[in-house]
Structure formats: C-alpha cells, structure tokens
Amino acid sequence: MALTVSQLDAAIAAVIDGGQSYTIGDQQFTRANLEYLKQLRKDAIATERAEGKTMFQRVRFGSVSS
C-alpha cells in the first residue's frame, strides 16, 4: 500500500503532538519511527511530483562539452 503525503503528514503530526503511536492501515508507527516517517514523506512527495509530470518534464539534460 503506497502511503500518501497527507497520510504521512497526519501520522507525523499525531506522533509529535503527544501520541506515542499511529496506525495507517496495517502499519503502526511509533515515536521511534519518526525519522522513517519523514523519509517516507520525502519519497511520497517525489513520487507524487513524478507522477504529475509529462515525459518531457521528467527528462534531465546534461551539459554539452566542447
């Protein structure tokens, strides 16, 4: 199950705001998982951005040397 940025934001907020754990579907996250949640959020943002781009927007061009 791919987690969305909004789901991860809710989990991070719940853990930070006093909850010691938060459950999304069948996955439970605890305060010890906070860095992991933040990394998952970065990955989800990158995925959502990539899915919203066209093929030409995803292509990166290198520099040309003479």
PDB file of N, CA and C in Angstrom:
ATOM      1  N   MET A   1       0.840  -1.169   0.000  1.00  0.00           N
ATOM      2  CA  MET A   1       0.000   0.000   0.000  1.00  0.00           C
ATOM      3  C   MET A   1       0.889   1.237   0.000  1.00  0.00           C
ATOM      4  N   ALA A   2       0.747   2.069  -0.996  1.00  0.00           N
ATOM      5  CA  ALA A   2       1.503   3.316  -1.068  1.00  0.00           C
ATOM      6  C   ALA A   2       0.820   4.368  -0.201  1.00  0.00           C
ATOM      7  N   LEU A   3       1.583   4.953   0.672  1.00  0.00           N
ATOM      8  CA  LEU A   3       1.037   5.979   1.563  1.00  0.00           C
ATOM      9  C   LEU A   3       1.128   7.333   0.877  1.00  0.00           C
ATOM     10  N   THR A   4       0.118   8.163   1.102  1.00  0.00           N
ATOM     11  CA  THR A   4       0.107   9.493   0.508  1.00  0.00           C
ATOM     12  C   THR A   4       0.787  10.480   1.443  1.00  0.00           C
ATOM     13  N   VAL A   5       1.130  11.640   0.886  1.00  0.00           N
ATOM     14  CA  VAL A   5       1.758  12.695   1.686  1.00  0.00           C
ATOM     15  C   VAL A   5       0.821  13.114   2.823  1.00  0.00           C
ATOM     16  N   SER A   6      -0.465  13.231   2.551  1.00  0.00           N
ATOM     17  CA  SER A   6      -1.401  13.659   3.601  1.00  0.00           C
ATOM     18  C   SER A   6      -1.512  12.606   4.709  1.00  0.00           C
ATOM     19  N   GLN A   7      -1.470  11.328   4.365  1.00  0.00           N
ATOM     20  CA  GLN A   7      -1.485  10.283   5.394  1.00  0.00           C
ATOM     21  C   GLN A   7      -0.228  10.356   6.254  1.00  0.00           C
ATOM     22  N   LEU A   8       0.903  10.565   5.611  1.00  0.00           N
ATOM     23  CA  LEU A   8       2.155  10.655   6.354  1.00  0.00           C
ATOM     24  C   LEU A   8       2.210  11.917   7.204  1.00  0.00           C
ATOM     25  N   ASP A   9       1.674  13.024   6.699  1.00  0.00           N
ATOM     26  CA  ASP A   9       1.604  14.251   7.496  1.00  0.00           C
ATOM     27  C   ASP A   9       0.772  14.022   8.756  1.00  0.00           C
ATOM     28  N   ALA A  10      -0.352  13.334   8.618  1.00  0.00           N
ATOM     29  CA  ALA A  10      -1.212  13.039   9.766  1.00  0.00           C
ATOM     30  C   ALA A  10      -0.492  12.150  10.770  1.00  0.00           C
ATOM     31  N   ALA A  11       0.240  11.159  10.287  1.00  0.00           N
ATOM     32  CA  ALA A  11       0.979  10.265  11.178  1.00  0.00           C
ATOM     33  C   ALA A  11       2.072  11.015  11.923  1.00  0.00           C
ATOM     34  N   ILE A  12       2.819  11.844  11.211  1.00  0.00           N
ATOM     35  CA  ILE A  12       3.893  12.626  11.842  1.00  0.00           C
ATOM     36  C   ILE A  12       3.315  13.565  12.889  1.00  0.00           C
ATOM     37  N   ALA A  13       2.248  14.265  12.542  1.00  0.00           N
ATOM     38  CA  ALA A  13       1.617  15.191  13.489  1.00  0.00           C
ATOM     39  C   ALA A  13       1.099  14.456  14.724  1.00  0.00           C
ATOM     40  N   ALA A  14       0.472  13.310  14.524  1.00  0.00           N
ATOM     41  CA  ALA A  14      -0.067  12.550  15.649  1.00  0.00           C
ATOM     42  C   ALA A  14       1.035  12.073  16.590  1.00  0.00           C
ATOM     43  N   VAL A  15       2.145  11.607  16.030  1.00  0.00           N
ATOM     44  CA  VAL A  15       3.249  11.126  16.860  1.00  0.00           C
ATOM     45  C   VAL A  15       3.905  12.293  17.588  1.00  0.00           C
ATOM     46  N   ILE A  16       4.104  13.417  16.905  1.00  0.00           N
ATOM     47  CA  ILE A  16       4.758  14.580  17.518  1.00  0.00           C
ATOM     48  C   ILE A  16       3.865  15.218  18.580  1.00  0.00           C
ATOM     49  N   ASP A  17       2.565  15.304  18.315  1.00  0.00           N
ATOM     50  CA  ASP A  17       1.647  16.010  19.204  1.00  0.00           C
ATOM     51  C   ASP A  17       1.219  15.193  20.419  1.00  0.00           C
ATOM     52  N   GLY A  18       2.001  14.229  20.810  1.00  0.00           N
ATOM     53  CA  GLY A  18       1.724  13.551  22.062  1.00  0.00           C
ATOM     54  C   GLY A  18       1.369  12.091  21.940  1.00  0.00           C
ATOM     55  N   GLY A  19       0.970  11.661  20.776  1.00  0.00           N
ATOM     56  CA  GLY A  19       0.685  10.240  20.630  1.00  0.00           C
ATOM     57  C   GLY A  19       1.990   9.481  20.540  1.00  0.00           C
ATOM     58  N   GLN A  20       2.026   8.335  21.114  1.00  0.00           N
ATOM     59  CA  GLN A  20       3.233   7.536  21.034  1.00  0.00           C
ATOM     60  C   GLN A  20       3.201   6.609  19.832  1.00  0.00           C
ATOM     61  N   SER A  21       2.009   6.463  19.237  1.00  0.00           N
ATOM     62  CA  SER A  21       1.919   5.613  18.053  1.00  0.00           C
ATOM     63  C   SER A  21       0.764   6.077  17.183  1.00  0.00           C
ATOM     64  N   TYR A  22       0.804   5.651  15.919  1.00  0.00           N
ATOM     65  CA  TYR A  22      -0.229   5.998  14.953  1.00  0.00           C
ATOM     66  C   TYR A  22      -0.312   4.843  13.967  1.00  0.00           C
ATOM     67  N   THR A  23      -1.527   4.493  13.572  1.00  0.00           N
ATOM     68  CA  THR A  23      -1.718   3.372  12.667  1.00  0.00           C
ATOM     69  C   THR A  23      -2.338   3.842  11.364  1.00  0.00           C
ATOM     70  N   ILE A  24      -1.752   3.416  10.246  1.00  0.00           N
ATOM     71  CA  ILE A  24      -2.306   3.644   8.915  1.00  0.00           C
ATOM     72  C   ILE A  24      -2.500   2.259   8.306  1.00  0.00           C
ATOM     73  N   GLY A  25      -3.728   1.890   8.106  1.00  0.00           N
ATOM     74  CA  GLY A  25      -3.996   0.557   7.570  1.00  0.00           C
ATOM     75  C   GLY A  25      -3.461  -0.498   8.519  1.00  0.00           C
ATOM     76  N   ASP A  26      -2.562  -1.332   8.041  1.00  0.00           N
ATOM     77  CA  ASP A  26      -1.989  -2.377   8.879  1.00  0.00           C
ATOM     78  C   ASP A  26      -0.591  -2.037   9.390  1.00  0.00           C
ATOM     79  N   GLN A  27      -0.145  -0.786   9.179  1.00  0.00           N
ATOM     80  CA  GLN A  27       1.173  -0.365   9.630  1.00  0.00           C
ATOM     81  C   GLN A  27       1.052   0.537  10.847  1.00  0.00           C
ATOM     82  N   GLN A  28       1.821   0.243  11.884  1.00  0.00           N
ATOM     83  CA  GLN A  28       1.821   1.074  13.077  1.00  0.00           C
ATOM     84  C   GLN A  28       3.175   1.757  13.198  1.00  0.00           C
ATOM     85  N   PHE A  29       3.146   3.070  13.433  1.00  0.00           N
ATOM     86  CA  PHE A  29       4.364   3.860  13.581  1.00  0.00           C
ATOM     87  C   PHE A  29       4.432   4.401  15.004  1.00  0.00           C
ATOM     88  N   THR A  30       5.631   4.444  15.560  1.00  0.00           N
ATOM     89  CA  THR A  30       5.820   4.975  16.905  1.00  0.00           C
ATOM     90  C   THR A  30       6.799   6.144  16.845  1.00  0.00           C
ATOM     91  N   ARG A  31       6.999   6.766  17.989  1.00  0.00           N
ATOM     92  CA  ARG A  31       7.928   7.896  18.040  1.00  0.00           C
ATOM     93  C   ARG A  31       9.309   7.480  17.537  1.00  0.00           C
ATOM     94  N   ALA A  32       9.667   6.244  17.774  1.00  0.00           N
ATOM     95  CA  ALA A  32      10.963   5.753  17.294  1.00  0.00           C
ATOM     96  C   ALA A  32      11.027   5.724  15.769  1.00  0.00           C
ATOM     97  N   ASN A  33       9.869   5.697  15.101  1.00  0.00           N
ATOM     98  CA  ASN A  33       9.808   5.654  13.647  1.00  0.00           C
ATOM     99  C   ASN A  33       9.740   7.047  13.011  1.00  0.00           C
ATOM    100  N   LEU A  34       9.905   8.094  13.789  1.00  0.00           N
ATOM    101  CA  LEU A  34       9.699   9.449  13.281  1.00  0.00           C
ATOM    102  C   LEU A  34      10.616   9.760  12.090  1.00  0.00           C
ATOM    103  N   GLU A  35      11.876   9.434  12.155  1.00  0.00           N
ATOM    104  CA  GLU A  35      12.788   9.694  11.035  1.00  0.00           C
ATOM    105  C   GLU A  35      12.392   8.867   9.819  1.00  0.00           C
ATOM    106  N   TYR A  36      11.951   7.644  10.051  1.00  0.00           N
ATOM    107  CA  TYR A  36      11.481   6.793   8.961  1.00  0.00           C
ATOM    108  C   TYR A  36      10.245   7.404   8.306  1.00  0.00           C
ATOM    109  N   LEU A  37       9.321   7.923   9.122  1.00  0.00           N
ATOM    110  CA  LEU A  37       8.133   8.593   8.587  1.00  0.00           C
ATOM    111  C   LEU A  37       8.521   9.795   7.736  1.00  0.00           C
ATOM    112  N   LYS A  38       9.492  10.566   8.195  1.00  0.00           N
ATOM    113  CA  LYS A  38       9.938  11.738   7.439  1.00  0.00           C
ATOM    114  C   LYS A  38      10.549  11.330   6.102  1.00  0.00           C
ATOM    115  N   GLN A  39      11.302  10.233   6.092  1.00  0.00           N
ATOM    116  CA  GLN A  39      11.886   9.751   4.838  1.00  0.00           C
ATOM    117  C   GLN A  39      10.791   9.242   3.903  1.00  0.00           C
ATOM    118  N   LEU A  40       9.812   8.529   4.445  1.00  0.00           N
ATOM    119  CA  LEU A  40       8.680   8.073   3.639  1.00  0.00           C
ATOM    120  C   LEU A  40       7.954   9.263   3.016  1.00  0.00           C
ATOM    121  N   ARG A  41       7.825  10.349   3.783  1.00  0.00           N
ATOM    122  CA  ARG A  41       7.157  11.557   3.281  1.00  0.00           C
ATOM    123  C   ARG A  41       7.930  12.151   2.104  1.00  0.00           C
ATOM    124  N   LYS A  42       9.263  12.230   2.234  1.00  0.00           N
ATOM    125  CA  LYS A  42      10.087  12.744   1.132  1.00  0.00           C
ATOM    126  C   LYS A  42       9.911  11.888  -0.120  1.00  0.00           C
ATOM    127  N   ASP A  43       9.901  10.575   0.078  1.00  0.00           N
ATOM    128  CA  ASP A  43       9.716   9.661  -1.049  1.00  0.00           C
ATOM    129  C   ASP A  43       8.343   9.829  -1.687  1.00  0.00           C
ATOM    130  N   ALA A  44       7.309  10.001  -0.854  1.00  0.00           N
ATOM    131  CA  ALA A  44       5.948  10.170  -1.365  1.00  0.00           C
ATOM    132  C   ALA A  44       5.821  11.477  -2.149  1.00  0.00           C
ATOM    133  N   ILE A  45       6.455  12.536  -1.670  1.00  0.00           N
ATOM    134  CA  ILE A  45       6.436  13.819  -2.387  1.00  0.00           C
ATOM    135  C   ILE A  45       7.092  13.653  -3.755  1.00  0.00           C
ATOM    136  N   ALA A  46       8.244  12.992  -3.788  1.00  0.00           N
ATOM    137  CA  ALA A  46       8.948  12.779  -5.057  1.00  0.00           C
ATOM    138  C   ALA A  46       8.096  11.951  -6.018  1.00  0.00           C
ATOM    139  N   THR A  47       7.439  10.935  -5.500  1.00  0.00           N
ATOM    140  CA  THR A  47       6.590  10.085  -6.332  1.00  0.00           C
ATOM    141  C   THR A  47       5.417  10.868  -6.893  1.00  0.00           C
ATOM    142  N   GLU A  48       4.758  11.647  -6.030  1.00  0.00           N
ATOM    143  CA  GLU A  48       3.612  12.435  -6.487  1.00  0.00           C
ATOM    144  C   GLU A  48       4.029  13.472  -7.523  1.00  0.00           C
ATOM    145  N   ARG A  49       5.185  14.065  -7.329  1.00  0.00           N
ATOM    146  CA  ARG A  49       5.669  15.049  -8.311  1.00  0.00           C
ATOM    147  C   ARG A  49       5.981  14.369  -9.646  1.00  0.00           C
ATOM    148  N   ALA A  50       6.622  13.210  -9.586  1.00  0.00           N
ATOM    149  CA  ALA A  50       6.993  12.492 -10.804  1.00  0.00           C
ATOM    150  C   ALA A  50       5.751  12.024 -11.565  1.00  0.00           C
ATOM    151  N   GLU A  51       4.728  11.602 -10.839  1.00  0.00           N
ATOM    152  CA  GLU A  51       3.506  11.135 -11.491  1.00  0.00           C
ATOM    153  C   GLU A  51       2.753  12.263 -12.173  1.00  0.00           C
ATOM    154  N   GLY A  52       2.945  13.481 -11.706  1.00  0.00           N
ATOM    155  CA  GLY A  52       2.249  14.624 -12.269  1.00  0.00           C
ATOM    156  C   GLY A  52       2.950  15.253 -13.452  1.00  0.00           C
ATOM    157  N   LYS A  53       4.136  14.769 -13.780  1.00  0.00           N
ATOM    158  CA  LYS A  53       4.917  15.365 -14.860  1.00  0.00           C
ATOM    159  C   LYS A  53       4.765  14.558 -16.149  1.00  0.00           C
ATOM    160  N   THR A  54       4.937  15.252 -17.240  1.00  0.00           N
ATOM    161  CA  THR A  54       4.948  14.574 -18.531  1.00  0.00           C
ATOM    162  C   THR A  54       6.315  13.957 -18.759  1.00  0.00           C
ATOM    163  N   MET A  55       6.431  13.152 -19.786  1.00  0.00           N
ATOM    164  CA  MET A  55       7.706  12.514 -20.102  1.00  0.00           C
ATOM    165  C   MET A  55       8.795  13.559 -20.308  1.00  0.00           C
ATOM    166  N   PHE A  56       8.473  14.662 -20.974  1.00  0.00           N
ATOM    167  CA  PHE A  56       9.477  15.681 -21.263  1.00  0.00           C
ATOM    168  C   PHE A  56       9.895  16.435 -20.013  1.00  0.00           C
ATOM    169  N   GLN A  57       9.016  16.558 -19.040  1.00  0.00           N
ATOM    170  CA  GLN A  57       9.383  17.232 -17.799  1.00  0.00           C
ATOM    171  C   GLN A  57      10.254  16.352 -16.919  1.00  0.00           C
ATOM    172  N   ARG A  58      10.178  15.020 -17.086  1.00  0.00           N
ATOM    173  CA  ARG A  58      10.980  14.110 -16.279  1.00  0.00           C
ATOM    174  C   ARG A  58      12.392  13.951 -16.809  1.00  0.00           C
ATOM    175  N   VAL A  59      12.623  14.319 -18.054  1.00  0.00           N
ATOM    176  CA  VAL A  59      13.940  14.136 -18.668  1.00  0.00           C
ATOM    177  C   VAL A  59      14.882  15.236 -18.180  1.00  0.00           C
ATOM    178  N   ARG A  60      16.078  14.848 -17.811  1.00  0.00           N
ATOM    179  CA  ARG A  60      17.100  15.824 -17.417  1.00  0.00           C
ATOM    180  C   ARG A  60      18.190  15.789 -18.484  1.00  0.00           C
ATOM    181  N   PHE A  61      18.658  16.936 -18.848  1.00  0.00           N
ATOM    182  CA  PHE A  61      19.702  17.020 -19.854  1.00  0.00           C
ATOM    183  C   PHE A  61      21.004  17.430 -19.199  1.00  0.00           C
ATOM    184  N   GLY A  62      22.085  16.781 -19.593  1.00  0.00           N
ATOM    185  CA  GLY A  62      23.405  17.111 -19.076  1.00  0.00           C
ATOM    186  C   GLY A  62      24.003  18.265 -19.862  1.00  0.00           C
ATOM    187  N   SER A  63      25.168  18.704 -19.424  1.00  0.00           N
ATOM    188  CA  SER A  63      25.843  19.785 -20.126  1.00  0.00           C
ATOM    189  C   SER A  63      26.595  19.234 -21.327  1.00  0.00           C
ATOM    190  N   VAL A  64      26.768  20.073 -22.295  1.00  0.00           N
ATOM    191  CA  VAL A  64      27.491  19.696 -23.501  1.00  0.00           C
ATOM    192  C   VAL A  64      28.899  20.255 -23.396  1.00  0.00           C
ATOM    193  N   SER A  65      29.884  19.395 -23.573  1.00  0.00           N
ATOM    194  CA  SER A  65      31.265  19.877 -23.518  1.00  0.00           C
ATOM    195  C   SER A  65      31.791  20.034 -24.939  1.00  0.00           C
ATOM    196  N   SER A  66      32.651  21.017 -25.119  1.00  0.00           N
ATOM    197  CA  SER A  66      33.194  21.255 -26.471  1.00  0.00           C
ATOM    198  C   SER A  66      34.574  20.736 -26.641  1.00  0.00           C
TER     199      SER A  66
END
